[in-house]
């Protein structure tokens, strides 16, 4: 009887989890050979040693496709020894003419604020980074909810995203003030938001 109850509870838990969202296939956004599938805007970027190299300028390396709900995985490394600033923008549809970047949302890669997302209460992380080494981020965006894992550890969970429609994903170039960066192993898994 106890075993039967355990099985029923387990099946119910799995059912509840899978009803929250349907998960698509994990797809590579960067092939390590060229920038196919990306548009370089107002900056210089290239592939160097199998990595996306953010070389110069203030601008974006923007996905060709728009995404709404997703799990975005990426690894990044700052090349500057004392300061760095970059980021990953998501769910934006355009960049104002007088700006290099969209207004929001951004998973920050500014030194001391790595992983922070402005405008989201509690979306701040400390103590999970490896300075001047490769760091692994896993950003989950689903409806108004957002969460981040850094180097396989939970950094934070938040809610309050206002731009709920599909938008581009982009790597930020802020080289004059924030130095050069490398990115690799960029994967996305699209999610189907719950209708409940």
C-alpha atoms as a PDB file:
ATOM      1  CA  UNK A   1       0.000   0.000   0.000  1.00  0.00           C
ATOM      2  CA  UNK A   2       2.822   2.396   0.870  1.00  0.00           C
ATOM      3  CA  UNK A   3       4.551   1.601  -2.418  1.00  0.00           C
ATOM      4  CA  UNK A   4       1.336   2.276  -4.353  1.00  0.00           C
ATOM      5  CA  UNK A   5       0.864   5.649  -2.593  1.00  0.00           C
ATOM      6  CA  UNK A   6       4.466   6.594  -3.384  1.00  0.00           C
ATOM      7  CA  UNK A   7       4.000   5.754  -7.077  1.00  0.00           C
ATOM      8  CA  UNK A   8       0.769   7.766  -7.269  1.00  0.00           C
ATOM      9  CA  UNK A   9       2.390  10.783  -5.585  1.00  0.00           C
ATOM     10  CA  UNK A  10       5.410  10.551  -7.880  1.00  0.00           C
ATOM     11  CA  UNK A  11       3.262  10.368 -11.010  1.00  0.00           C
ATOM     12  CA  UNK A  12       1.164  13.304  -9.804  1.00  0.00           C
ATOM     13  CA  UNK A  13       4.304  15.383  -9.155  1.00  0.00           C
ATOM     14  CA  UNK A  14       5.697  14.614 -12.610  1.00  0.00           C
ATOM     15  CA  UNK A  15       2.344  15.452 -14.180  1.00  0.00           C
ATOM     16  CA  UNK A  16       2.196  18.810 -12.394  1.00  0.00           C
ATOM     17  CA  UNK A  17       5.749  19.676 -13.408  1.00  0.00           C
ATOM     18  CA  UNK A  18       5.244  18.809 -17.060  1.00  0.00           C
ATOM     19  CA  UNK A  19       1.958  20.722 -17.222  1.00  0.00           C
ATOM     20  CA  UNK A  20       3.739  23.938 -16.218  1.00  0.00           C
ATOM     21  CA  UNK A  21       5.540  24.099 -19.543  1.00  0.00           C
ATOM     22  CA  UNK A  22       6.322  21.964 -22.532  1.00  0.00           C
ATOM     23  CA  UNK A  23       9.994  21.823 -23.353  1.00  0.00           C
ATOM     24  CA  UNK A  24      11.407  21.861 -26.861  1.00  0.00           C
ATOM     25  CA  UNK A  25      14.735  20.625 -28.128  1.00  0.00           C
ATOM     26  CA  UNK A  26      18.014  22.105 -26.935  1.00  0.00           C
ATOM     27  CA  UNK A  27      19.525  23.901 -29.933  1.00  0.00           C
ATOM     28  CA  UNK A  28      22.974  25.411 -30.427  1.00  0.00           C
ATOM     29  CA  UNK A  29      22.838  29.134 -31.268  1.00  0.00           C
ATOM     30  CA  UNK A  30      26.567  29.396 -31.957  1.00  0.00           C
ATOM     31  CA  UNK A  31      28.435  26.794 -33.987  1.00  0.00           C
ATOM     32  CA  UNK A  32      31.977  27.860 -33.011  1.00  0.00           C
ATOM     33  CA  UNK A  33      32.934  28.310 -36.689  1.00  0.00           C
ATOM     34  CA  UNK A  34      31.203  31.485 -37.867  1.00  0.00           C
ATOM     35  CA  UNK A  35      28.479  33.937 -36.889  1.00  0.00           C
ATOM     36  CA  UNK A  36      25.725  32.305 -38.957  1.00  0.00           C
ATOM     37  CA  UNK A  37      22.392  32.954 -37.243  1.00  0.00           C
ATOM     38  CA  UNK A  38      23.601  36.261 -35.769  1.00  0.00           C
ATOM     39  CA  UNK A  39      23.581  39.889 -36.912  1.00  0.00           C
ATOM     40  CA  UNK A  40      26.426  42.161 -35.804  1.00  0.00           C
ATOM     41  CA  UNK A  41      25.179  45.685 -35.035  1.00  0.00           C
ATOM     42  CA  UNK A  42      27.420  48.722 -34.366  1.00  0.00           C
ATOM     43  CA  UNK A  43      30.398  46.653 -33.158  1.00  0.00           C
ATOM     44  CA  UNK A  44      33.019  44.175 -34.301  1.00  0.00           C
ATOM     45  CA  UNK A  45      32.779  40.487 -33.472  1.00  0.00           C
ATOM     46  CA  UNK A  46      34.419  37.402 -34.914  1.00  0.00           C
ATOM     47  CA  UNK A  47      35.111  33.763 -34.183  1.00  0.00           C
ATOM     48  CA  UNK A  48      38.448  33.173 -32.481  1.00  0.00           C
ATOM     49  CA  UNK A  49      39.563  29.726 -31.344  1.00  0.00           C
ATOM     50  CA  UNK A  50      35.997  28.415 -31.558  1.00  0.00           C
ATOM     51  CA  UNK A  51      34.678  31.251 -29.377  1.00  0.00           C
ATOM     52  CA  UNK A  52      32.575  34.298 -30.167  1.00  0.00           C
ATOM     53  CA  UNK A  53      35.045  37.146 -29.691  1.00  0.00           C
ATOM     54  CA  UNK A  54      33.567  40.564 -28.889  1.00  0.00           C
ATOM     55  CA  UNK A  55      36.361  42.631 -30.384  1.00  0.00           C
ATOM     56  CA  UNK A  56      35.450  46.340 -30.416  1.00  0.00           C
ATOM     57  CA  UNK A  57      32.726  48.969 -30.289  1.00  0.00           C
ATOM     58  CA  UNK A  58      29.431  49.513 -28.515  1.00  0.00           C
ATOM     59  CA  UNK A  59      26.708  47.376 -30.033  1.00  0.00           C
ATOM     60  CA  UNK A  60      25.149  43.938 -30.219  1.00  0.00           C
ATOM     61  CA  UNK A  61      25.577  40.510 -31.711  1.00  0.00           C
ATOM     62  CA  UNK A  62      21.886  39.745 -32.169  1.00  0.00           C
ATOM     63  CA  UNK A  63      20.076  36.468 -32.820  1.00  0.00           C
ATOM     64  CA  UNK A  64      18.374  36.158 -36.192  1.00  0.00           C
ATOM     65  CA  UNK A  65      15.285  34.679 -34.548  1.00  0.00           C
ATOM     66  CA  UNK A  66      13.044  35.994 -31.759  1.00  0.00           C
ATOM     67  CA  UNK A  67      12.337  33.954 -28.635  1.00  0.00           C
ATOM     68  CA  UNK A  68       9.616  34.273 -26.014  1.00  0.00           C
ATOM     69  CA  UNK A  69       9.988  31.614 -23.311  1.00  0.00           C
ATOM     70  CA  UNK A  70      13.272  29.758 -23.093  1.00  0.00           C
ATOM     71  CA  UNK A  71      16.229  28.373 -21.225  1.00  0.00           C
ATOM     72  CA  UNK A  72      19.404  30.069 -22.459  1.00  0.00           C
ATOM     73  CA  UNK A  73      22.743  28.504 -21.560  1.00  0.00           C
ATOM     74  CA  UNK A  74      26.046  30.207 -22.259  1.00  0.00           C
ATOM     75  CA  UNK A  75      29.615  30.428 -21.072  1.00  0.00           C
ATOM     76  CA  UNK A  76      31.529  33.689 -20.996  1.00  0.00           C
ATOM     77  CA  UNK A  77      34.931  35.009 -20.046  1.00  0.00           C
ATOM     78  CA  UNK A  78      36.133  38.594 -19.582  1.00  0.00           C
ATOM     79  CA  UNK A  79      39.543  39.279 -21.098  1.00  0.00           C
ATOM     80  CA  UNK A  80      40.256  42.424 -19.072  1.00  0.00           C
ATOM     81  CA  UNK A  81      42.063  41.893 -15.780  1.00  0.00           C
ATOM     82  CA  UNK A  82      40.585  44.733 -13.748  1.00  0.00           C
ATOM     83  CA  UNK A  83      37.207  45.718 -15.218  1.00  0.00           C
ATOM     84  CA  UNK A  84      34.608  44.216 -17.485  1.00  0.00           C
ATOM     85  CA  UNK A  85      31.143  44.979 -18.749  1.00  0.00           C
ATOM     86  CA  UNK A  86      28.963  43.103 -21.187  1.00  0.00           C
ATOM     87  CA  UNK A  87      25.629  41.346 -20.954  1.00  0.00           C
ATOM     88  CA  UNK A  88      22.934  39.287 -22.593  1.00  0.00           C
ATOM     89  CA  UNK A  89      19.848  41.163 -23.761  1.00  0.00           C
ATOM     90  CA  UNK A  90      16.583  39.312 -24.252  1.00  0.00           C
ATOM     91  CA  UNK A  91      12.957  39.848 -25.258  1.00  0.00           C
ATOM     92  CA  UNK A  92      13.515  43.161 -27.035  1.00  0.00           C
ATOM     93  CA  UNK A  93      12.204  43.984 -30.489  1.00  0.00           C
ATOM     94  CA  UNK A  94      14.232  47.042 -31.479  1.00  0.00           C
ATOM     95  CA  UNK A  95      17.046  49.356 -30.450  1.00  0.00           C
ATOM     96  CA  UNK A  96      16.305  53.102 -30.352  1.00  0.00           C
ATOM     97  CA  UNK A  97      18.208  55.028 -33.048  1.00  0.00           C
ATOM     98  CA  UNK A  98      20.109  57.130 -30.515  1.00  0.00           C
ATOM     99  CA  UNK A  99      21.256  54.142 -28.421  1.00  0.00           C
ATOM    100  CA  UNK A 100      23.715  51.286 -28.843  1.00  0.00           C
ATOM    101  CA  UNK A 101      21.543  48.868 -26.846  1.00  0.00           C
ATOM    102  CA  UNK A 102      17.888  48.193 -25.990  1.00  0.00           C
ATOM    103  CA  UNK A 103      16.396  49.636 -22.805  1.00  0.00           C
ATOM    104  CA  UNK A 104      15.805  46.202 -21.232  1.00  0.00           C
ATOM    105  CA  UNK A 105      16.018  43.339 -20.319  1.00  0.00           C
ATOM    106  CA  UNK A 106      19.657  42.475 -19.693  1.00  0.00           C
ATOM    107  CA  UNK A 107      21.404  39.767 -17.720  1.00  0.00           C
ATOM    108  CA  UNK A 108      24.351  41.914 -16.719  1.00  0.00           C
ATOM    109  CA  UNK A 109      28.012  40.974 -16.990  1.00  0.00           C
ATOM    110  CA  UNK A 110      29.330  44.163 -15.383  1.00  0.00           C
ATOM    111  CA  UNK A 111      32.056  43.476 -12.824  1.00  0.00           C
ATOM    112  CA  UNK A 112      30.389  43.167  -9.414  1.00  0.00           C
ATOM    113  CA  UNK A 113      26.900  42.843 -10.931  1.00  0.00           C
ATOM    114  CA  UNK A 114      27.308  39.692 -12.997  1.00  0.00           C
ATOM    115  CA  UNK A 115      23.944  37.999 -13.434  1.00  0.00           C
ATOM    116  CA  UNK A 116      21.864  40.922 -12.152  1.00  0.00           C
ATOM    117  CA  UNK A 117      18.722  41.874 -14.093  1.00  0.00           C
ATOM    118  CA  UNK A 118      17.560  45.441 -13.546  1.00  0.00           C
ATOM    119  CA  UNK A 119      13.933  46.004 -12.622  1.00  0.00           C
ATOM    120  CA  UNK A 120      13.454  42.519 -11.153  1.00  0.00           C
ATOM    121  CA  UNK A 121      13.344  42.359  -7.366  1.00  0.00           C
ATOM    122  CA  UNK A 122      15.901  39.935  -5.964  1.00  0.00           C
ATOM    123  CA  UNK A 123      17.605  39.377  -9.335  1.00  0.00           C
ATOM    124  CA  UNK A 124      21.071  39.855  -7.915  1.00  0.00           C
ATOM    125  CA  UNK A 125      23.836  37.337  -7.312  1.00  0.00           C
ATOM    126  CA  UNK A 126      27.053  37.353  -5.358  1.00  0.00           C
ATOM    127  CA  UNK A 127      29.893  34.915  -4.740  1.00  0.00           C
ATOM    128  CA  UNK A 128      29.290  32.404  -7.541  1.00  0.00           C
ATOM    129  CA  UNK A 129      31.732  33.680 -10.159  1.00  0.00           C
ATOM    130  CA  UNK A 130      35.249  32.674 -11.068  1.00  0.00           C
ATOM    131  CA  UNK A 131      37.251  35.823 -11.851  1.00  0.00           C
ATOM    132  CA  UNK A 132      38.913  35.868 -15.269  1.00  0.00           C
ATOM    133  CA  UNK A 133      37.841  32.271 -15.925  1.00  0.00           C
ATOM    134  CA  UNK A 134      35.005  30.740 -17.902  1.00  0.00           C
ATOM    135  CA  UNK A 135      31.643  31.101 -16.158  1.00  0.00           C
ATOM    136  CA  UNK A 136      28.534  29.133 -17.048  1.00  0.00           C
ATOM    137  CA  UNK A 137      25.119  30.841 -16.921  1.00  0.00           C
ATOM    138  CA  UNK A 138      21.702  29.245 -17.336  1.00  0.00           C
ATOM    139  CA  UNK A 139      18.940  31.851 -17.719  1.00  0.00           C
ATOM    140  CA  UNK A 140      15.312  30.687 -17.673  1.00  0.00           C
ATOM    141  CA  UNK A 141      12.641  33.103 -18.931  1.00  0.00           C
ATOM    142  CA  UNK A 142       9.038  31.876 -18.808  1.00  0.00           C
ATOM    143  CA  UNK A 143       6.120  34.303 -18.834  1.00  0.00           C
ATOM    144  CA  UNK A 144       6.767  36.911 -16.132  1.00  0.00           C
ATOM    145  CA  UNK A 145       9.138  34.567 -14.271  1.00  0.00           C
ATOM    146  CA  UNK A 146      12.903  34.500 -14.557  1.00  0.00           C
ATOM    147  CA  UNK A 147      15.710  32.602 -12.840  1.00  0.00           C
ATOM    148  CA  UNK A 148      19.454  32.217 -13.144  1.00  0.00           C
ATOM    149  CA  UNK A 149      21.971  29.513 -12.354  1.00  0.00           C
ATOM    150  CA  UNK A 150      25.673  30.382 -12.259  1.00  0.00           C
ATOM    151  CA  UNK A 151      28.239  27.596 -12.529  1.00  0.00           C
ATOM    152  CA  UNK A 152      25.508  25.007 -11.836  1.00  0.00           C
ATOM    153  CA  UNK A 153      24.331  26.718  -8.622  1.00  0.00           C
ATOM    154  CA  UNK A 154      21.059  28.569  -8.172  1.00  0.00           C
ATOM    155  CA  UNK A 155      21.750  32.311  -8.102  1.00  0.00           C
ATOM    156  CA  UNK A 156      18.207  33.714  -7.837  1.00  0.00           C
ATOM    157  CA  UNK A 157      14.565  33.457  -8.888  1.00  0.00           C
ATOM    158  CA  UNK A 158      12.364  36.442  -9.673  1.00  0.00           C
ATOM    159  CA  UNK A 159       9.110  37.560 -11.182  1.00  0.00           C
ATOM    160  CA  UNK A 160       7.880  40.739 -12.804  1.00  0.00           C
ATOM    161  CA  UNK A 161       9.037  40.695 -16.422  1.00  0.00           C
ATOM    162  CA  UNK A 162       6.772  43.065 -18.337  1.00  0.00           C
ATOM    163  CA  UNK A 163       7.838  42.426 -21.925  1.00  0.00           C
ATOM    164  CA  UNK A 164       6.086  39.064 -22.342  1.00  0.00           C
ATOM    165  CA  UNK A 165       6.218  38.823 -26.132  1.00  0.00           C
ATOM    166  CA  UNK A 166       8.923  37.285 -28.263  1.00  0.00           C
ATOM    167  CA  UNK A 167      12.100  39.260 -28.813  1.00  0.00           C
ATOM    168  CA  UNK A 168      15.697  38.983 -29.840  1.00  0.00           C
ATOM    169  CA  UNK A 169      18.565  37.657 -27.765  1.00  0.00           C
ATOM    170  CA  UNK A 170      21.866  39.501 -28.076  1.00  0.00           C
ATOM    171  CA  UNK A 171      25.382  39.560 -26.721  1.00  0.00           C
ATOM    172  CA  UNK A 172      26.323  43.092 -25.703  1.00  0.00           C
ATOM    173  CA  UNK A 173      29.536  44.703 -26.911  1.00  0.00           C
ATOM    174  CA  UNK A 174      30.692  47.459 -24.579  1.00  0.00           C
ATOM    175  CA  UNK A 175      34.374  47.197 -25.352  1.00  0.00           C
ATOM    176  CA  UNK A 176      35.532  50.838 -24.871  1.00  0.00           C
ATOM    177  CA  UNK A 177      34.357  50.873 -21.255  1.00  0.00           C
ATOM    178  CA  UNK A 178      34.060  47.183 -20.470  1.00  0.00           C
ATOM    179  CA  UNK A 179      36.771  45.339 -22.362  1.00  0.00           C
ATOM    180  CA  UNK A 180      36.724  42.368 -24.696  1.00  0.00           C
ATOM    181  CA  UNK A 181      34.830  39.148 -23.981  1.00  0.00           C
ATOM    182  CA  UNK A 182      34.613  35.586 -25.223  1.00  0.00           C
ATOM    183  CA  UNK A 183      31.412  33.512 -25.409  1.00  0.00           C
ATOM    184  CA  UNK A 184      30.956  29.823 -26.168  1.00  0.00           C
ATOM    185  CA  UNK A 185      28.527  26.906 -25.764  1.00  0.00           C
ATOM    186  CA  UNK A 186      25.437  29.036 -26.396  1.00  0.00           C
ATOM    187  CA  UNK A 187      22.321  26.853 -26.347  1.00  0.00           C
ATOM    188  CA  UNK A 188      18.616  27.585 -26.214  1.00  0.00           C
ATOM    189  CA  UNK A 189      15.652  25.420 -25.295  1.00  0.00           C
ATOM    190  CA  UNK A 190      12.323  26.990 -26.159  1.00  0.00           C
ATOM    191  CA  UNK A 191       9.518  26.637 -23.630  1.00  0.00           C
ATOM    192  CA  UNK A 192       5.791  26.756 -24.137  1.00  0.00           C
ATOM    193  CA  UNK A 193       4.356  28.896 -21.342  1.00  0.00           C
ATOM    194  CA  UNK A 194       1.587  27.503 -19.189  1.00  0.00           C
ATOM    195  CA  UNK A 195      -1.918  28.663 -20.049  1.00  0.00           C
ATOM    196  CA  UNK A 196      -3.067  27.998 -16.482  1.00  0.00           C
END
